[in-house]
Amino acid sequence: MKSFEQHLKKQLAAPKFQRHYDQEKNSLNCLSGSTRPVNLLDELRKKLQQARITQQQMSRIENGINCNVITFLKVCQALGLELDVGPKRKRKVA
């Protein structure tokens, strides 16, 4: 039986998987504010205030409650993040 680390290492060899893995990792790191130093949190809060994102809006995003697309895009822009949207891949039917 493979360990998770072995499986992940094998999957990360594929460039497309690596790119998506890095994007997800960055998203999670961005939203997990509890592990960030206080000065960085203050900096993020200032950026979000400048983008006119309210505390209530951020709380909804952090807690996984649906937000509208405009709010999400404002947060991404304020934090210097990029949202990459592409066509959905067709699944192979066996």
N, C-alpha and C. Protein backbone atom coordinates (compact mmCIF):
# COMPACT_ATOMS: atom_id res chain seq x y z
N MET A 1 0.84 -1.18 0.00
CA MET A 1 0.00 0.00 0.00
C MET A 1 0.89 1.24 0.00
N LYS A 2 0.56 2.22 -0.85
CA LYS A 2 1.33 3.45 -0.94
C LYS A 2 0.96 4.39 0.20
N SER A 3 1.95 5.12 0.64
CA SER A 3 1.66 6.17 1.61
C SER A 3 1.19 7.40 0.85
N PHE A 4 0.58 8.31 1.57
CA PHE A 4 0.11 9.54 0.93
C PHE A 4 1.27 10.30 0.30
N GLU A 5 2.39 10.36 1.00
CA GLU A 5 3.55 11.10 0.50
C GLU A 5 4.05 10.51 -0.82
N GLN A 6 4.08 9.18 -0.91
CA GLN A 6 4.52 8.53 -2.14
C GLN A 6 3.56 8.83 -3.29
N HIS A 7 2.28 8.75 -2.99
CA HIS A 7 1.27 9.02 -4.01
C HIS A 7 1.36 10.48 -4.47
N LEU A 8 1.50 11.40 -3.52
CA LEU A 8 1.60 12.82 -3.86
C LEU A 8 2.83 13.09 -4.71
N LYS A 9 3.95 12.51 -4.34
CA LYS A 9 5.19 12.71 -5.09
C LYS A 9 5.02 12.26 -6.54
N LYS A 10 4.36 11.13 -6.74
CA LYS A 10 4.13 10.62 -8.09
C LYS A 10 3.22 11.56 -8.87
N GLN A 11 2.16 12.04 -8.22
CA GLN A 11 1.22 12.93 -8.89
C GLN A 11 1.86 14.28 -9.23
N LEU A 12 2.74 14.78 -8.35
CA LEU A 12 3.38 16.08 -8.57
C LEU A 12 4.35 16.07 -9.75
N ALA A 13 4.66 14.89 -10.27
CA ALA A 13 5.54 14.80 -11.44
C ALA A 13 4.85 15.35 -12.69
N ALA A 14 3.52 15.33 -12.69
CA ALA A 14 2.76 15.87 -13.83
C ALA A 14 2.64 17.38 -13.68
N PRO A 15 3.09 18.16 -14.68
CA PRO A 15 3.07 19.63 -14.58
C PRO A 15 1.69 20.21 -14.31
N LYS A 16 0.67 19.65 -14.95
CA LYS A 16 -0.69 20.18 -14.76
C LYS A 16 -1.15 19.96 -13.33
N PHE A 17 -0.89 18.78 -12.78
CA PHE A 17 -1.25 18.50 -11.39
C PHE A 17 -0.49 19.42 -10.46
N GLN A 18 0.80 19.61 -10.73
CA GLN A 18 1.65 20.48 -9.91
C GLN A 18 1.08 21.90 -9.87
N ARG A 19 0.66 22.40 -11.03
CA ARG A 19 0.11 23.76 -11.11
C ARG A 19 -1.17 23.87 -10.29
N HIS A 20 -2.07 22.91 -10.43
CA HIS A 20 -3.33 22.94 -9.67
C HIS A 20 -3.07 22.75 -8.17
N TYR A 21 -2.15 21.90 -7.85
CA TYR A 21 -1.80 21.66 -6.44
C TYR A 21 -1.27 22.95 -5.81
N ASP A 22 -0.39 23.64 -6.52
CA ASP A 22 0.16 24.90 -6.02
C ASP A 22 -0.92 25.96 -5.86
N GLN A 23 -1.85 26.03 -6.80
CA GLN A 23 -2.94 27.00 -6.71
C GLN A 23 -3.80 26.73 -5.47
N GLU A 24 -4.15 25.48 -5.25
CA GLU A 24 -4.96 25.14 -4.09
C GLU A 24 -4.21 25.41 -2.79
N LYS A 25 -2.93 25.08 -2.79
CA LYS A 25 -2.12 25.30 -1.59
C LYS A 25 -2.05 26.79 -1.27
N ASN A 26 -1.87 27.62 -2.30
CA ASN A 26 -1.84 29.07 -2.10
C ASN A 26 -3.17 29.59 -1.59
N SER A 27 -4.27 29.08 -2.13
CA SER A 27 -5.59 29.50 -1.68
C SER A 27 -5.80 29.17 -0.22
N LEU A 28 -5.44 27.96 0.17
CA LEU A 28 -5.60 27.57 1.56
C LEU A 28 -4.71 28.38 2.48
N ASN A 29 -3.48 28.63 2.06
CA ASN A 29 -2.57 29.43 2.88
C ASN A 29 -3.09 30.84 3.05
N CYS A 30 -3.69 31.37 2.01
CA CYS A 30 -4.21 32.74 2.06
C CYS A 30 -5.37 32.85 3.04
N LEU A 31 -6.24 31.86 3.05
CA LEU A 31 -7.44 31.95 3.88
C LEU A 31 -7.26 31.40 5.28
N SER A 32 -6.15 30.76 5.57
CA SER A 32 -5.94 30.24 6.92
C SER A 32 -5.18 31.26 7.75
N GLY A 33 -5.84 32.33 8.08
CA GLY A 33 -5.22 33.44 8.79
C GLY A 33 -4.74 33.11 10.18
N SER A 34 -5.29 32.08 10.81
CA SER A 34 -4.91 31.79 12.19
C SER A 34 -3.46 31.34 12.32
N THR A 35 -2.84 30.90 11.24
CA THR A 35 -1.45 30.46 11.30
C THR A 35 -0.48 31.55 10.86
N ARG A 36 -0.99 32.72 10.53
CA ARG A 36 -0.16 33.81 10.05
C ARG A 36 0.28 34.72 11.20
N PRO A 37 1.42 35.36 11.07
CA PRO A 37 1.84 36.35 12.06
C PRO A 37 0.88 37.54 12.09
N VAL A 38 0.78 38.17 13.25
CA VAL A 38 -0.18 39.26 13.44
C VAL A 38 0.07 40.41 12.47
N ASN A 39 1.33 40.78 12.25
CA ASN A 39 1.61 41.92 11.36
C ASN A 39 1.15 41.65 9.93
N LEU A 40 1.24 40.41 9.48
CA LEU A 40 0.77 40.07 8.14
C LEU A 40 -0.75 40.14 8.08
N LEU A 41 -1.40 39.69 9.16
CA LEU A 41 -2.86 39.78 9.21
C LEU A 41 -3.32 41.23 9.15
N ASP A 42 -2.62 42.09 9.87
CA ASP A 42 -2.96 43.52 9.84
C ASP A 42 -2.81 44.08 8.43
N GLU A 43 -1.75 43.67 7.75
CA GLU A 43 -1.51 44.12 6.38
C GLU A 43 -2.63 43.64 5.45
N LEU A 44 -3.03 42.38 5.61
CA LEU A 44 -4.12 41.83 4.79
C LEU A 44 -5.42 42.56 5.07
N ARG A 45 -5.70 42.84 6.34
CA ARG A 45 -6.93 43.56 6.70
C ARG A 45 -6.96 44.94 6.06
N LYS A 46 -5.83 45.62 6.06
CA LYS A 46 -5.76 46.95 5.45
C LYS A 46 -6.04 46.88 3.95
N LYS A 47 -5.45 45.88 3.29
CA LYS A 47 -5.69 45.72 1.86
C LYS A 47 -7.16 45.46 1.57
N LEU A 48 -7.78 44.62 2.41
CA LEU A 48 -9.19 44.30 2.22
C LEU A 48 -10.07 45.51 2.50
N GLN A 49 -9.71 46.31 3.50
CA GLN A 49 -10.48 47.52 3.78
C GLN A 49 -10.37 48.49 2.61
N GLN A 50 -9.19 48.60 2.02
CA GLN A 50 -9.01 49.48 0.87
C GLN A 50 -9.84 49.01 -0.32
N ALA A 51 -10.06 47.70 -0.41
CA ALA A 51 -10.88 47.14 -1.48
C ALA A 51 -12.36 47.17 -1.13
N ARG A 52 -12.68 47.75 0.04
CA ARG A 52 -14.05 47.88 0.53
C ARG A 52 -14.71 46.53 0.79
N ILE A 53 -13.94 45.60 1.31
CA ILE A 53 -14.45 44.30 1.73
C ILE A 53 -14.75 44.41 3.22
N THR A 54 -15.99 44.16 3.60
CA THR A 54 -16.36 44.28 5.01
C THR A 54 -15.92 43.05 5.80
N GLN A 55 -15.87 43.20 7.10
CA GLN A 55 -15.53 42.08 7.97
C GLN A 55 -16.55 40.95 7.82
N GLN A 56 -17.81 41.32 7.64
CA GLN A 56 -18.86 40.31 7.46
C GLN A 56 -18.64 39.51 6.18
N GLN A 57 -18.24 40.19 5.12
CA GLN A 57 -17.97 39.50 3.86
C GLN A 57 -16.79 38.54 4.01
N MET A 58 -15.73 39.00 4.67
CA MET A 58 -14.56 38.13 4.88
C MET A 58 -14.92 36.94 5.75
N SER A 59 -15.71 37.16 6.78
CA SER A 59 -16.11 36.08 7.67
C SER A 59 -16.87 35.00 6.89
N ARG A 60 -17.76 35.43 5.99
CA ARG A 60 -18.52 34.46 5.19
C ARG A 60 -17.57 33.63 4.32
N ILE A 61 -16.58 34.27 3.72
CA ILE A 61 -15.63 33.55 2.86
C ILE A 61 -14.79 32.59 3.70
N GLU A 62 -14.27 33.07 4.83
CA GLU A 62 -13.41 32.24 5.69
C GLU A 62 -14.16 31.03 6.23
N ASN A 63 -15.46 31.18 6.48
CA ASN A 63 -16.25 30.09 7.04
C ASN A 63 -16.88 29.21 5.98
N GLY A 64 -16.55 29.45 4.73
CA GLY A 64 -17.04 28.60 3.65
C GLY A 64 -18.49 28.85 3.27
N ILE A 65 -19.03 29.99 3.70
CA ILE A 65 -20.40 30.34 3.33
C ILE A 65 -20.33 31.01 1.96
N ASN A 66 -21.29 30.69 1.11
CA ASN A 66 -21.26 31.22 -0.25
C ASN A 66 -21.18 32.75 -0.26
N CYS A 67 -20.39 33.26 -1.15
CA CYS A 67 -20.33 34.70 -1.38
C CYS A 67 -20.55 34.91 -2.87
N ASN A 68 -20.84 36.15 -3.24
CA ASN A 68 -21.04 36.37 -4.67
C ASN A 68 -19.69 36.50 -5.38
N VAL A 69 -19.70 36.36 -6.67
CA VAL A 69 -18.47 36.32 -7.46
C VAL A 69 -17.74 37.66 -7.39
N ILE A 70 -18.48 38.76 -7.41
CA ILE A 70 -17.85 40.08 -7.37
C ILE A 70 -17.03 40.24 -6.09
N THR A 71 -17.60 39.83 -4.96
CA THR A 71 -16.88 39.93 -3.68
C THR A 71 -15.62 39.07 -3.72
N PHE A 72 -15.74 37.85 -4.23
CA PHE A 72 -14.59 36.95 -4.30
C PHE A 72 -13.50 37.54 -5.19
N LEU A 73 -13.88 38.11 -6.32
CA LEU A 73 -12.89 38.72 -7.22
C LEU A 73 -12.22 39.94 -6.59
N LYS A 74 -12.98 40.72 -5.81
CA LYS A 74 -12.39 41.86 -5.10
C LYS A 74 -11.34 41.39 -4.10
N VAL A 75 -11.65 40.31 -3.38
CA VAL A 75 -10.69 39.76 -2.41
C VAL A 75 -9.44 39.28 -3.13
N CYS A 76 -9.62 38.56 -4.22
CA CYS A 76 -8.47 38.07 -4.99
C CYS A 76 -7.60 39.23 -5.46
N GLN A 77 -8.24 40.26 -5.98
CA GLN A 77 -7.48 41.41 -6.49
C GLN A 77 -6.75 42.12 -5.35
N ALA A 78 -7.41 42.30 -4.21
CA ALA A 78 -6.79 42.99 -3.07
C ALA A 78 -5.59 42.22 -2.54
N LEU A 79 -5.64 40.89 -2.62
CA LEU A 79 -4.56 40.06 -2.09
C LEU A 79 -3.52 39.70 -3.15
N GLY A 80 -3.71 40.21 -4.36
CA GLY A 80 -2.74 39.94 -5.42
C GLY A 80 -2.84 38.52 -5.96
N LEU A 81 -4.03 37.95 -5.90
CA LEU A 81 -4.23 36.59 -6.40
C LEU A 81 -4.90 36.64 -7.76
N GLU A 82 -4.73 35.57 -8.51
CA GLU A 82 -5.30 35.48 -9.84
C GLU A 82 -6.21 34.27 -9.90
N LEU A 83 -7.38 34.44 -10.49
CA LEU A 83 -8.32 33.35 -10.66
C LEU A 83 -8.22 32.87 -12.09
N ASP A 84 -7.92 31.59 -12.27
CA ASP A 84 -7.74 31.01 -13.59
C ASP A 84 -8.95 30.13 -13.89
N VAL A 85 -9.71 30.49 -14.91
CA VAL A 85 -10.90 29.74 -15.29
C VAL A 85 -10.68 29.19 -16.69
N GLY A 86 -11.02 27.92 -16.86
CA GLY A 86 -10.85 27.30 -18.16
C GLY A 86 -11.99 26.34 -18.45
N PRO A 87 -12.02 25.80 -19.64
CA PRO A 87 -13.09 24.87 -19.99
C PRO A 87 -12.99 23.58 -19.17
N LYS A 88 -14.13 23.02 -18.90
CA LYS A 88 -14.20 21.77 -18.14
C LYS A 88 -13.74 20.63 -19.04
N ARG A 89 -12.91 19.76 -18.45
CA ARG A 89 -12.44 18.59 -19.20
C ARG A 89 -13.55 17.57 -19.31
N LYS A 90 -13.59 16.90 -20.44
CA LYS A 90 -14.55 15.81 -20.61
C LYS A 90 -13.99 14.57 -19.94
N ARG A 91 -14.84 13.87 -19.24
CA ARG A 91 -14.42 12.63 -18.58
C ARG A 91 -14.55 11.47 -19.54
N LYS A 92 -13.59 10.57 -19.45
CA LYS A 92 -13.64 9.37 -20.28
C LYS A 92 -14.62 8.39 -19.65
N VAL A 93 -15.50 7.86 -20.46
CA VAL A 93 -16.46 6.88 -19.99
C VAL A 93 -15.92 5.50 -20.31
N ALA A 94 -15.83 4.68 -19.28
CA ALA A 94 -15.27 3.34 -19.47
C ALA A 94 -16.32 2.36 -19.89
